[in-house]
Amino acid sequence: MNQMAWFLVAWVGGSLAILGSLMTLGSLLLWLVPRSGSKASKPDGERSPGIPDWQNRVKLTAVSLGLAIAGFSLLVVFPFPLH
């Protein structure tokens, strides 16, 4: 693999790793935030009807972990070309 292609893969992998790691930290912090108010006090259009709050948090955590793992995997699979 030539060096320009490696730079592109490293840039994408590094961006995914950083973005996914920061999103993972943010989504884990979101688990600490207590749910404010009751369902009846929220406007109808603000929350997704029928989907519990914890399911949305699990989805966000899974997506952020997936991005971080994909980024780190790209960096491991394509090491720096020494030749």
C-alpha atoms as a PDB file:
ATOM      1  CA  MET A   1       0.000   0.000   0.000  1.00  0.00           C
ATOM      2  CA  ASN A   2       1.516   3.332  -0.945  1.00  0.00           C
ATOM      3  CA  GLN A   3       2.014   6.044   1.629  1.00  0.00           C
ATOM      4  CA  MET A   4      -0.780   8.349   0.420  1.00  0.00           C
ATOM      5  CA  ALA A   5      -3.340   5.566   0.783  1.00  0.00           C
ATOM      6  CA  TRP A   6      -1.918   4.781   4.231  1.00  0.00           C
ATOM      7  CA  PHE A   7      -2.246   8.443   5.247  1.00  0.00           C
ATOM      8  CA  LEU A   8      -5.891   8.410   4.165  1.00  0.00           C
ATOM      9  CA  VAL A   9      -6.623   5.191   6.084  1.00  0.00           C
ATOM     10  CA  ALA A  10      -4.739   6.492   9.147  1.00  0.00           C
ATOM     11  CA  TRP A  11      -6.627   9.798   9.025  1.00  0.00           C
ATOM     12  CA  VAL A  12     -10.011   8.058   8.813  1.00  0.00           C
ATOM     13  CA  GLY A  13      -9.058   5.513  11.486  1.00  0.00           C
ATOM     14  CA  GLY A  14      -7.726   8.178  13.817  1.00  0.00           C
ATOM     15  CA  SER A  15     -10.800  10.348  13.339  1.00  0.00           C
ATOM     16  CA  LEU A  16     -13.110   7.410  14.036  1.00  0.00           C
ATOM     17  CA  ALA A  17     -11.106   6.395  17.096  1.00  0.00           C
ATOM     18  CA  ILE A  18     -11.119   9.902  18.576  1.00  0.00           C
ATOM     19  CA  LEU A  19     -14.779  10.596  17.746  1.00  0.00           C
ATOM     20  CA  GLY A  20     -15.919   7.197  19.003  1.00  0.00           C
ATOM     21  CA  SER A  21     -13.922   7.479  22.214  1.00  0.00           C
ATOM     22  CA  LEU A  22     -15.289  10.927  23.023  1.00  0.00           C
ATOM     23  CA  MET A  23     -18.821   9.845  22.151  1.00  0.00           C
ATOM     24  CA  THR A  24     -18.413   6.800  24.407  1.00  0.00           C
ATOM     25  CA  LEU A  25     -17.357   9.008  27.302  1.00  0.00           C
ATOM     26  CA  GLY A  26     -20.308  11.294  26.659  1.00  0.00           C
ATOM     27  CA  SER A  27     -22.800   8.459  26.418  1.00  0.00           C
ATOM     28  CA  LEU A  28     -21.492   6.920  29.642  1.00  0.00           C
ATOM     29  CA  LEU A  29     -21.870  10.285  31.365  1.00  0.00           C
ATOM     30  CA  LEU A  30     -25.418  10.437  30.027  1.00  0.00           C
ATOM     31  CA  TRP A  31     -26.222   7.320  32.068  1.00  0.00           C
ATOM     32  CA  LEU A  32     -25.455   9.326  35.219  1.00  0.00           C
ATOM     33  CA  VAL A  33     -27.964  12.067  34.406  1.00  0.00           C
ATOM     34  CA  PRO A  34     -31.301  11.389  36.100  1.00  0.00           C
ATOM     35  CA  ARG A  35     -34.357  11.557  33.910  1.00  0.00           C
ATOM     36  CA  SER A  36     -36.001  14.906  34.509  1.00  0.00           C
ATOM     37  CA  GLY A  37     -39.753  15.237  34.860  1.00  0.00           C
ATOM     38  CA  SER A  38     -42.411  12.744  34.010  1.00  0.00           C
ATOM     39  CA  LYS A  39     -43.717  11.675  30.639  1.00  0.00           C
ATOM     40  CA  ALA A  40     -46.891  13.664  31.087  1.00  0.00           C
ATOM     41  CA  SER A  41     -45.018  16.951  31.536  1.00  0.00           C
ATOM     42  CA  LYS A  42     -43.033  16.576  28.292  1.00  0.00           C
ATOM     43  CA  PRO A  43     -44.470  17.895  25.031  1.00  0.00           C
ATOM     44  CA  ASP A  44     -45.665  15.159  22.671  1.00  0.00           C
ATOM     45  CA  GLY A  45     -43.226  15.957  19.866  1.00  0.00           C
ATOM     46  CA  GLU A  46     -40.111  16.073  22.027  1.00  0.00           C
ATOM     47  CA  ARG A  47     -39.826  12.385  22.955  1.00  0.00           C
ATOM     48  CA  SER A  48     -40.129   9.306  20.800  1.00  0.00           C
ATOM     49  CA  PRO A  49     -43.455   7.637  21.581  1.00  0.00           C
ATOM     50  CA  GLY A  50     -43.233   4.079  22.819  1.00  0.00           C
ATOM     51  CA  ILE A  51     -39.425   3.908  23.103  1.00  0.00           C
ATOM     52  CA  PRO A  52     -38.091   3.874  26.672  1.00  0.00           C
ATOM     53  CA  ASP A  53     -35.272   6.246  27.552  1.00  0.00           C
ATOM     54  CA  TRP A  54     -32.815   3.464  28.429  1.00  0.00           C
ATOM     55  CA  GLN A  55     -33.118   1.915  24.950  1.00  0.00           C
ATOM     56  CA  ASN A  56     -32.036   5.171  23.330  1.00  0.00           C
ATOM     57  CA  ARG A  57     -29.074   5.343  25.709  1.00  0.00           C
ATOM     58  CA  VAL A  58     -28.083   1.758  24.875  1.00  0.00           C
ATOM     59  CA  LYS A  59     -28.261   2.528  21.139  1.00  0.00           C
ATOM     60  CA  LEU A  60     -26.098   5.634  21.545  1.00  0.00           C
ATOM     61  CA  THR A  61     -23.540   3.747  23.621  1.00  0.00           C
ATOM     62  CA  ALA A  62     -23.437   0.892  21.091  1.00  0.00           C
ATOM     63  CA  VAL A  63     -22.944   3.237  18.127  1.00  0.00           C
ATOM     64  CA  SER A  64     -20.190   5.155  19.886  1.00  0.00           C
ATOM     65  CA  LEU A  65     -18.387   1.959  20.909  1.00  0.00           C
ATOM     66  CA  GLY A  66     -18.725   0.675  17.353  1.00  0.00           C
ATOM     67  CA  LEU A  67     -17.109   3.816  15.935  1.00  0.00           C
ATOM     68  CA  ALA A  68     -14.237   3.625  18.417  1.00  0.00           C
ATOM     69  CA  ILE A  69     -13.625  -0.074  17.733  1.00  0.00           C
ATOM     70  CA  ALA A  70     -13.748   0.484  13.958  1.00  0.00           C
ATOM     71  CA  GLY A  71     -11.220   3.310  14.195  1.00  0.00           C
ATOM     72  CA  PHE A  72      -8.796   1.385  16.384  1.00  0.00           C
ATOM     73  CA  SER A  73      -9.204  -1.671  14.139  1.00  0.00           C
ATOM     74  CA  LEU A  74      -8.208   0.340  11.071  1.00  0.00           C
ATOM     75  CA  LEU A  75      -5.129   1.603  12.879  1.00  0.00           C
ATOM     76  CA  VAL A  76      -4.143  -1.932  13.933  1.00  0.00           C
ATOM     77  CA  VAL A  77      -4.825  -3.626  10.580  1.00  0.00           C
ATOM     78  CA  PHE A  78      -2.876  -1.051   8.525  1.00  0.00           C
ATOM     79  CA  PRO A  79       0.395  -0.352  10.365  1.00  0.00           C
ATOM     80  CA  PHE A  80       2.863   2.274   9.171  1.00  0.00           C
ATOM     81  CA  PRO A  81       4.639   1.109   5.981  1.00  0.00           C
ATOM     82  CA  LEU A  82       8.344   0.787   6.737  1.00  0.00           C
ATOM     83  CA  HIS A  83       9.459  -0.233   3.235  1.00  0.00           C
END
